[in-house]
Amino acid sequence: MESLRVREPLFIAAGTRGSKRVGGREQPFVPIRERTSIEHVVAAALEARSVGPIYVWGDRERLESRLTWAVQRAREKGIELHLVEEGNHFVESFVMTVLRHLHGTHGISLNPEVLTEPLGPRHWALWRELSQEESIAATRVNLLTSDLPLIRPEEIDCLVTGKRSDADLVLGRTHRSAIDAAVARCDEPFQYDRAVKNYYAFLAGDEPVDLIVNNFLAGRPFRVPRFIWNLAGHLFNNRTIIEGGRFNLKKIKNNVVFVKSLFSKARQDDSEGIANVRKNYYQMLKAFSFLLRAYFIIVKNKEANRKFRDLAVLEERIRTLTGMTLTLHISACAGPALDIDTEYEIEYIERHFERLRGGEMARSPA
């Protein structure tokens, strides 16, 4: 087996403020087989060979109550496990957790108020200052959500060690064949029209592939422009564009309008905006047009007459617009893609937990 690299930090997002509720319950605390979803994710992380330290953000009081056993287990294994109070939204929680991590690993002295007050100009000024230091700018982190009760330690290792280490931002995707293989082990067909599981068609090299988001995000946060974090927060809040086989037109419109605003003339003088990237205007317009059309084609991929988008071209267009390297990490990890977005998914996973979690996992392609 290929030796694993030095352990990398793992963030687990278990926020409850503004998070999606399923059956009146917050996703991190949905019970599955005598443990909550967040407990399953933390248990897998503690057994993974590629991660450490581990940061879990959310309602800290509830996390401490549910994860007492995990804190003890982490202590026994010599792994740092930090339970962090969540911010008001996803981006705020992420930024504050990154700063806490740097405080522990780089010895950076931070005013305690910085970690407790709402995210604002003071934090972004500190962010820009820290990004000037090469050792900090090169810092890599990995992120998983907390609604992944089926995730296994070896899948976490596959995601963390298989990604491109030189990319500024890595987005996880899973092959459809991996999901099909997992549900094929069950004695009950999986009803996609009762779940939030949407596949999008891409060209990887010369091969067409059906991919699904698998809730893994990684990269070097200090290499990512501020406007991308704003975009990430917006897209996270409007992430489910197809629900129960139907388009959520409001969320699609919100996403398009917001992305368009990043390129508007009103942002030309914004030093944190996309216009600050020194690129030929025609090239940027061409890249934006390509990405906008790709977004709508992805939405339409559920039709019989499907179209594909070339991954290499997508990555090149994003680099033209943002100046950063973004890539998709494609794997056969089913656990990170089988999240719990509907009551049906919870009930299905509860009934078939062992079978869905079993089986040999195909390795990430080189």
Protein backbone atom coordinates (compact mmCIF):
# COMPACT_ATOMS: atom_id res chain seq x y z
CA MET A 1 0.00 0.00 0.00
CA GLU A 2 1.26 3.47 -0.84
CA SER A 3 2.53 5.23 2.28
CA LEU A 4 0.38 8.05 3.55
CA ARG A 5 1.62 11.61 3.68
CA VAL A 6 1.95 13.64 6.84
CA ARG A 7 -1.40 13.91 8.61
CA GLU A 8 -3.43 16.90 7.48
CA PRO A 9 -6.04 18.91 9.41
CA LEU A 10 -9.66 17.89 8.93
CA PHE A 11 -12.61 20.20 9.55
CA ILE A 12 -16.06 18.71 10.11
CA ALA A 13 -18.94 21.13 9.56
CA ALA A 14 -21.71 20.37 12.08
CA GLY A 15 -23.28 23.82 12.20
CA THR A 16 -26.93 24.18 13.19
CA ARG A 17 -27.53 27.88 12.47
CA GLY A 18 -29.34 28.04 9.18
CA SER A 19 -28.63 24.37 8.50
CA LYS A 20 -31.08 22.10 6.75
CA ARG A 21 -33.52 20.25 8.99
CA VAL A 22 -34.80 16.79 8.11
CA GLY A 23 -38.01 15.71 9.79
CA GLY A 24 -37.66 18.57 12.26
CA ARG A 25 -34.15 17.44 13.26
CA GLU A 26 -30.82 19.10 12.48
CA GLN A 27 -28.73 16.91 10.21
CA PRO A 28 -25.69 16.49 12.51
CA PHE A 29 -27.88 15.09 15.27
CA VAL A 30 -30.07 12.71 13.25
CA PRO A 31 -29.81 9.28 14.95
CA ILE A 32 -28.62 6.36 12.81
CA ARG A 33 -28.03 3.00 14.49
CA GLU A 34 -27.66 4.24 18.07
CA ARG A 35 -25.32 7.08 17.08
CA THR A 36 -25.96 10.49 15.63
CA SER A 37 -24.65 11.31 12.17
CA ILE A 38 -21.89 13.55 13.53
CA GLU A 39 -20.73 10.71 15.79
CA HIS A 40 -20.38 8.37 12.81
CA VAL A 41 -18.29 10.96 10.94
CA VAL A 42 -16.03 11.68 13.93
CA ALA A 43 -15.59 7.95 14.59
CA ALA A 44 -14.40 7.43 11.01
CA ALA A 45 -12.07 10.45 11.22
CA LEU A 46 -10.45 9.14 14.40
CA GLU A 47 -9.60 5.87 12.65
CA ALA A 48 -8.33 7.48 9.44
CA ARG A 49 -4.56 7.36 9.02
CA SER A 50 -4.27 10.60 7.05
CA VAL A 51 -5.83 13.26 9.30
CA GLY A 52 -5.04 15.15 12.46
CA PRO A 53 -5.77 17.49 14.12
CA ILE A 54 -9.57 17.34 13.80
CA TYR A 55 -11.83 20.37 14.27
CA VAL A 56 -15.59 20.03 14.64
CA TRP A 57 -17.66 23.20 14.59
CA GLY A 58 -21.26 23.41 15.72
CA ASP A 59 -23.33 23.92 18.86
CA ARG A 60 -20.44 23.29 21.21
CA GLU A 61 -22.57 22.38 24.24
CA ARG A 62 -24.40 19.70 22.27
CA LEU A 63 -21.20 18.49 20.65
CA GLU A 64 -19.54 18.08 24.03
CA SER A 65 -22.53 16.09 25.24
CA ARG A 66 -22.56 13.74 22.24
CA LEU A 67 -18.80 13.41 21.71
CA THR A 68 -17.50 12.74 25.23
CA TRP A 69 -16.44 9.26 24.12
CA ALA A 70 -14.68 10.71 21.04
CA VAL A 71 -12.65 13.17 23.11
CA GLN A 72 -11.46 10.28 25.27
CA ARG A 73 -10.70 8.15 22.23
CA ALA A 74 -8.73 10.97 20.61
CA ARG A 75 -6.72 11.42 23.79
CA GLU A 76 -5.88 7.71 23.83
CA LYS A 77 -4.74 7.83 20.19
CA GLY A 78 -2.76 11.04 20.61
CA ILE A 79 -4.97 12.95 18.14
CA GLU A 80 -6.05 16.54 18.72
CA LEU A 81 -9.84 16.83 18.65
CA HIS A 82 -11.19 20.38 18.96
CA LEU A 83 -14.86 21.19 19.43
CA VAL A 84 -15.43 24.74 18.19
CA GLU A 85 -18.47 26.99 18.69
CA GLU A 86 -20.05 27.67 15.31
CA GLY A 87 -20.38 31.09 13.70
CA ASN A 88 -23.50 32.67 12.26
CA HIS A 89 -23.03 30.93 8.91
CA PHE A 90 -20.81 28.47 7.08
CA VAL A 91 -18.11 30.88 5.88
CA GLU A 92 -17.80 32.53 9.29
CA SER A 93 -17.43 29.14 10.97
CA PHE A 94 -14.78 28.10 8.45
CA VAL A 95 -12.72 31.28 8.72
CA MET A 96 -12.78 31.22 12.53
CA THR A 97 -11.74 27.56 12.57
CA VAL A 98 -8.84 28.24 10.20
CA LEU A 99 -7.64 31.03 12.51
CA ARG A 100 -7.88 28.73 15.53
CA HIS A 101 -5.88 26.11 13.66
CA LEU A 102 -3.13 28.62 12.82
CA HIS A 103 -3.06 29.75 16.44
CA GLY A 104 -2.30 26.16 17.45
CA THR A 105 0.10 25.16 14.68
CA HIS A 106 1.93 28.40 13.86
CA GLY A 107 1.86 30.03 17.27
CA ILE A 108 0.02 33.07 15.92
CA SER A 109 -1.16 35.36 18.70
CA LEU A 110 -4.78 36.35 18.18
CA ASN A 111 -6.93 38.77 20.11
CA PRO A 112 -9.70 36.59 21.68
CA GLU A 113 -12.28 39.08 20.38
CA VAL A 114 -11.32 38.19 16.81
CA LEU A 115 -12.59 34.65 17.36
CA THR A 116 -15.88 35.65 18.96
CA GLU A 117 -17.13 38.69 17.07
CA PRO A 118 -19.06 38.40 13.77
CA LEU A 119 -17.02 38.06 10.61
CA GLY A 120 -16.17 41.48 9.21
CA PRO A 121 -13.49 43.79 7.75
CA ARG A 122 -11.22 43.19 10.73
CA HIS A 123 -11.03 39.49 9.94
CA TRP A 124 -10.44 39.97 6.22
CA ALA A 125 -7.65 42.46 6.98
CA LEU A 126 -6.03 39.83 9.21
CA TRP A 127 -6.63 37.22 6.48
CA ARG A 128 -4.78 39.35 3.90
CA GLU A 129 -1.93 39.97 6.33
CA LEU A 130 -1.51 36.27 7.11
CA SER A 131 -1.64 35.32 3.43
CA GLN A 132 1.59 37.26 2.85
CA GLU A 133 3.52 34.63 4.81
CA GLU A 134 4.43 31.79 2.47
CA SER A 135 4.24 29.06 5.12
CA ILE A 136 0.70 30.15 6.00
CA ALA A 137 -0.41 30.65 2.40
CA ALA A 138 0.66 27.05 1.72
CA THR A 139 -1.44 25.67 4.59
CA ARG A 140 -3.77 22.89 3.39
CA VAL A 141 -7.00 21.88 5.08
CA ASN A 142 -9.71 19.29 4.36
CA LEU A 143 -13.43 19.62 5.03
CA LEU A 144 -16.31 17.17 5.37
CA THR A 145 -19.93 17.78 6.31
CA SER A 146 -21.53 16.03 9.28
CA ASP A 147 -24.44 14.34 7.49
CA LEU A 148 -22.40 11.35 6.24
CA PRO A 149 -23.21 8.43 8.56
CA LEU A 150 -21.85 5.87 6.08
CA ILE A 151 -18.37 7.33 5.60
CA ARG A 152 -15.49 4.99 6.38
CA PRO A 153 -11.91 5.72 7.55
CA GLU A 154 -10.42 4.37 4.31
CA GLU A 155 -12.66 6.67 2.30
CA ILE A 156 -11.40 9.67 4.23
CA ASP A 157 -7.84 8.51 3.52
CA CYS A 158 -8.69 8.14 -0.17
CA LEU A 159 -10.05 11.70 -0.33
CA VAL A 160 -7.26 13.33 1.67
CA THR A 161 -4.30 11.55 0.05
CA GLY A 162 -5.72 11.27 -3.47
CA LYS A 163 -6.35 14.97 -4.10
CA ARG A 164 -4.02 17.25 -6.02
CA SER A 165 -1.79 18.78 -3.39
CA ASP A 166 -0.93 21.82 -5.54
CA ALA A 167 -4.55 22.88 -6.12
CA ASP A 168 -5.91 25.97 -4.39
CA LEU A 169 -9.41 24.48 -4.19
CA VAL A 170 -10.48 20.83 -4.53
CA LEU A 171 -14.12 19.76 -4.90
CA GLY A 172 -15.00 16.11 -4.29
CA ARG A 173 -17.08 14.09 -6.73
CA THR A 174 -18.06 10.40 -6.75
CA HIS A 175 -18.64 8.11 -9.73
CA ARG A 176 -22.25 7.04 -10.16
CA SER A 177 -21.07 3.46 -10.48
CA ALA A 178 -19.94 3.54 -6.84
CA ILE A 179 -23.42 4.55 -5.65
CA ASP A 180 -25.07 1.98 -7.92
CA ALA A 181 -22.80 -0.72 -6.49
CA ALA A 182 -23.62 0.29 -2.91
CA VAL A 183 -27.41 0.22 -3.34
CA ALA A 184 -27.17 -3.00 -5.38
CA ARG A 185 -26.02 -4.75 -2.20
CA CYS A 186 -29.40 -3.98 -0.61
CA ASP A 187 -32.56 -6.04 -1.10
CA GLU A 188 -34.62 -2.89 -1.73
CA PRO A 189 -34.37 -0.59 -4.77
CA PHE A 190 -33.29 2.97 -4.03
CA GLN A 191 -36.00 5.47 -5.02
CA TYR A 192 -34.12 8.45 -6.43
CA ASP A 193 -37.31 10.48 -6.79
CA ARG A 194 -37.63 10.47 -2.98
CA ALA A 195 -34.02 11.52 -2.39
CA VAL A 196 -31.74 14.44 -3.19
CA LYS A 197 -29.20 12.62 -5.34
CA ASN A 198 -28.40 14.38 -8.61
CA TYR A 199 -25.81 13.22 -11.15
CA TYR A 200 -24.11 15.56 -13.61
CA ALA A 201 -22.39 14.53 -16.83
CA PHE A 202 -18.77 15.49 -17.54
CA LEU A 203 -15.97 14.51 -19.89
CA ALA A 204 -12.88 13.32 -18.04
CA GLY A 205 -10.30 13.02 -20.79
CA ASP A 206 -12.20 11.27 -23.58
CA GLU A 207 -14.53 9.36 -21.27
CA PRO A 208 -18.04 10.56 -20.28
CA VAL A 209 -18.71 10.15 -16.55
CA ASP A 210 -21.73 10.69 -14.31
CA LEU A 211 -20.65 12.35 -11.07
CA ILE A 212 -22.31 13.37 -7.82
CA VAL A 213 -21.17 15.84 -5.15
CA ASN A 214 -19.61 13.93 -2.25
CA ASN A 215 -19.35 16.64 0.43
CA PHE A 216 -15.53 16.79 0.40
CA LEU A 217 -13.73 20.11 0.05
CA ALA A 218 -10.01 20.78 0.38
CA GLY A 219 -7.29 23.19 -0.56
CA ARG A 220 -5.25 26.16 0.55
CA PRO A 221 -7.72 28.69 1.97
CA PHE A 222 -5.28 31.63 1.92
CA ARG A 223 -4.87 31.22 -1.85
CA VAL A 224 -8.62 31.59 -2.41
CA PRO A 225 -9.83 35.20 -3.04
CA ARG A 226 -12.36 36.68 -0.63
CA PHE A 227 -15.08 36.95 -3.26
CA ILE A 228 -14.87 33.17 -3.71
CA TRP A 229 -15.65 32.68 -0.02
CA ASN A 230 -18.65 35.00 -0.45
CA LEU A 231 -19.71 32.94 -3.45
CA ALA A 232 -19.19 29.69 -1.55
CA GLY A 233 -21.41 30.88 1.28
CA HIS A 234 -24.13 31.89 -1.15
CA LEU A 235 -24.01 28.65 -3.13
CA PHE A 236 -24.01 26.61 0.08
CA ASN A 237 -27.27 28.29 1.10
CA ASN A 238 -28.74 27.66 -2.37
CA ARG A 239 -27.06 24.33 -3.07
CA THR A 240 -30.03 22.04 -3.73
CA ILE A 241 -31.12 22.97 -7.27
CA ILE A 242 -33.00 19.73 -7.94
CA GLU A 243 -35.27 18.29 -5.27
CA GLY A 244 -37.41 15.20 -5.73
CA GLY A 245 -36.75 15.29 -9.48
CA ARG A 246 -37.96 18.90 -9.79
CA PHE A 247 -36.00 22.07 -10.42
CA ASN A 248 -35.87 24.61 -7.61
CA LEU A 249 -36.14 27.63 -9.93
CA LYS A 250 -35.78 30.14 -7.11
CA LYS A 251 -32.39 28.75 -6.08
CA ILE A 252 -31.22 28.51 -9.68
CA LYS A 253 -32.16 32.16 -10.22
CA ASN A 254 -30.46 33.22 -6.96
CA ASN A 255 -27.24 31.50 -8.00
CA VAL A 256 -27.17 33.02 -11.48
CA VAL A 257 -27.96 36.54 -10.25
CA PHE A 258 -25.31 36.36 -7.54
CA VAL A 259 -22.59 35.05 -9.86
CA LYS A 260 -23.49 37.71 -12.43
CA SER A 261 -23.13 40.41 -9.77
CA LEU A 262 -19.51 39.40 -9.24
CA PHE A 263 -18.76 40.47 -12.79
CA SER A 264 -20.88 43.59 -12.87
CA LYS A 265 -19.50 47.06 -13.51
CA ALA A 266 -20.38 48.01 -9.93
CA ARG A 267 -17.55 45.79 -8.72
CA GLN A 268 -14.88 47.14 -11.06
CA ASP A 269 -13.16 49.09 -8.29
CA ASP A 270 -13.52 46.40 -5.59
CA SER A 271 -10.00 45.27 -4.71
CA GLU A 272 -11.45 41.99 -3.48
CA GLY A 273 -13.59 41.53 -6.59
CA ILE A 274 -13.03 39.56 -9.70
CA ALA A 275 -12.02 42.63 -11.72
CA ASN A 276 -8.80 42.81 -9.71
CA VAL A 277 -7.52 39.72 -11.51
CA ARG A 278 -5.34 41.08 -14.30
CA LYS A 279 -6.80 39.24 -17.29
CA ASN A 280 -7.83 40.24 -20.78
CA TYR A 281 -11.48 41.41 -20.60
CA TYR A 282 -12.46 39.37 -23.65
CA GLN A 283 -10.97 36.21 -22.16
CA MET A 284 -12.81 36.80 -18.89
CA LEU A 285 -16.12 37.41 -20.69
CA LYS A 286 -15.61 34.27 -22.74
CA ALA A 287 -14.81 32.23 -19.63
CA PHE A 288 -17.81 33.59 -17.74
CA SER A 289 -20.11 32.82 -20.66
CA PHE A 290 -18.76 29.28 -20.81
CA LEU A 291 -19.32 28.69 -17.09
CA LEU A 292 -22.81 30.17 -17.19
CA ARG A 293 -23.78 27.91 -20.09
CA ALA A 294 -22.16 24.96 -18.33
CA TYR A 295 -24.30 25.64 -15.25
CA PHE A 296 -27.52 25.43 -17.22
CA ILE A 297 -26.37 22.38 -19.17
CA ILE A 298 -25.54 20.65 -15.90
CA VAL A 299 -29.06 21.41 -14.70
CA LYS A 300 -30.44 19.89 -17.91
CA ASN A 301 -28.36 16.72 -17.69
CA LYS A 302 -31.31 14.78 -16.28
CA GLU A 303 -32.89 14.88 -19.74
CA ALA A 304 -32.46 11.96 -22.11
CA ASN A 305 -30.52 14.07 -24.62
CA ARG A 306 -27.61 14.84 -22.36
CA LYS A 307 -24.69 17.16 -22.96
CA PHE A 308 -21.27 16.99 -21.36
CA ARG A 309 -18.76 19.56 -20.18
CA ASP A 310 -15.03 18.94 -20.44
CA LEU A 311 -13.44 19.02 -16.98
CA ALA A 312 -10.13 20.31 -18.33
CA VAL A 313 -11.86 23.25 -20.04
CA LEU A 314 -13.92 24.04 -16.94
CA GLU A 315 -10.79 24.17 -14.80
CA GLU A 316 -8.99 26.36 -17.36
CA ARG A 317 -11.92 28.82 -17.51
CA ILE A 318 -12.08 29.07 -13.72
CA ARG A 319 -8.35 29.75 -13.63
CA THR A 320 -8.83 32.54 -16.20
CA LEU A 321 -11.54 34.19 -14.11
CA THR A 322 -10.12 33.81 -10.63
CA GLY A 323 -6.39 33.28 -10.96
CA MET A 324 -6.60 30.17 -8.77
CA THR A 325 -6.25 26.47 -9.48
CA LEU A 326 -9.51 24.59 -8.96
CA THR A 327 -9.89 20.90 -9.64
CA LEU A 328 -12.37 18.10 -9.10
CA HIS A 329 -11.22 15.07 -7.12
CA ILE A 330 -13.03 12.09 -8.67
CA SER A 331 -13.24 8.90 -6.63
CA ALA A 332 -15.31 5.79 -6.03
CA CYS A 333 -16.04 6.74 -2.41
CA ALA A 334 -19.76 6.11 -1.87
CA GLY A 335 -19.99 7.04 1.82
CA PRO A 336 -19.31 10.76 1.38
CA ALA A 337 -21.99 10.96 -1.33
CA LEU A 338 -24.72 9.09 0.56
CA ASP A 339 -25.72 11.97 2.81
CA ILE A 340 -29.05 12.44 4.58
CA ASP A 341 -31.14 15.18 2.97
CA THR A 342 -34.60 13.60 3.24
CA GLU A 343 -36.50 11.40 5.68
CA TYR A 344 -36.55 8.67 3.03
CA GLU A 345 -32.73 8.66 2.87
CA ILE A 346 -32.52 8.41 6.66
CA GLU A 347 -34.94 5.47 6.73
CA TYR A 348 -33.19 3.71 3.83
CA ILE A 349 -29.75 4.05 5.44
CA GLU A 350 -31.16 2.90 8.79
CA ARG A 351 -32.55 -0.27 7.18
CA HIS A 352 -29.46 -1.10 5.11
CA PHE A 353 -26.62 0.45 7.09
CA GLU A 354 -24.23 -2.53 7.06
CA ARG A 355 -24.77 -3.38 3.39
CA LEU A 356 -24.38 0.19 2.22
CA ARG A 357 -21.21 0.62 4.26
CA GLY A 358 -19.72 -2.75 3.26
CA GLY A 359 -17.97 -3.86 0.15
CA GLU A 360 -14.56 -3.17 -1.28
CA MET A 361 -13.89 0.44 -2.15
CA ALA A 362 -12.34 1.17 -5.50
CA ARG A 363 -9.29 3.42 -5.29
CA SER A 364 -9.20 6.99 -6.46
CA PRO A 365 -7.81 7.24 -10.00
CA ALA A 366 -4.23 8.47 -10.19
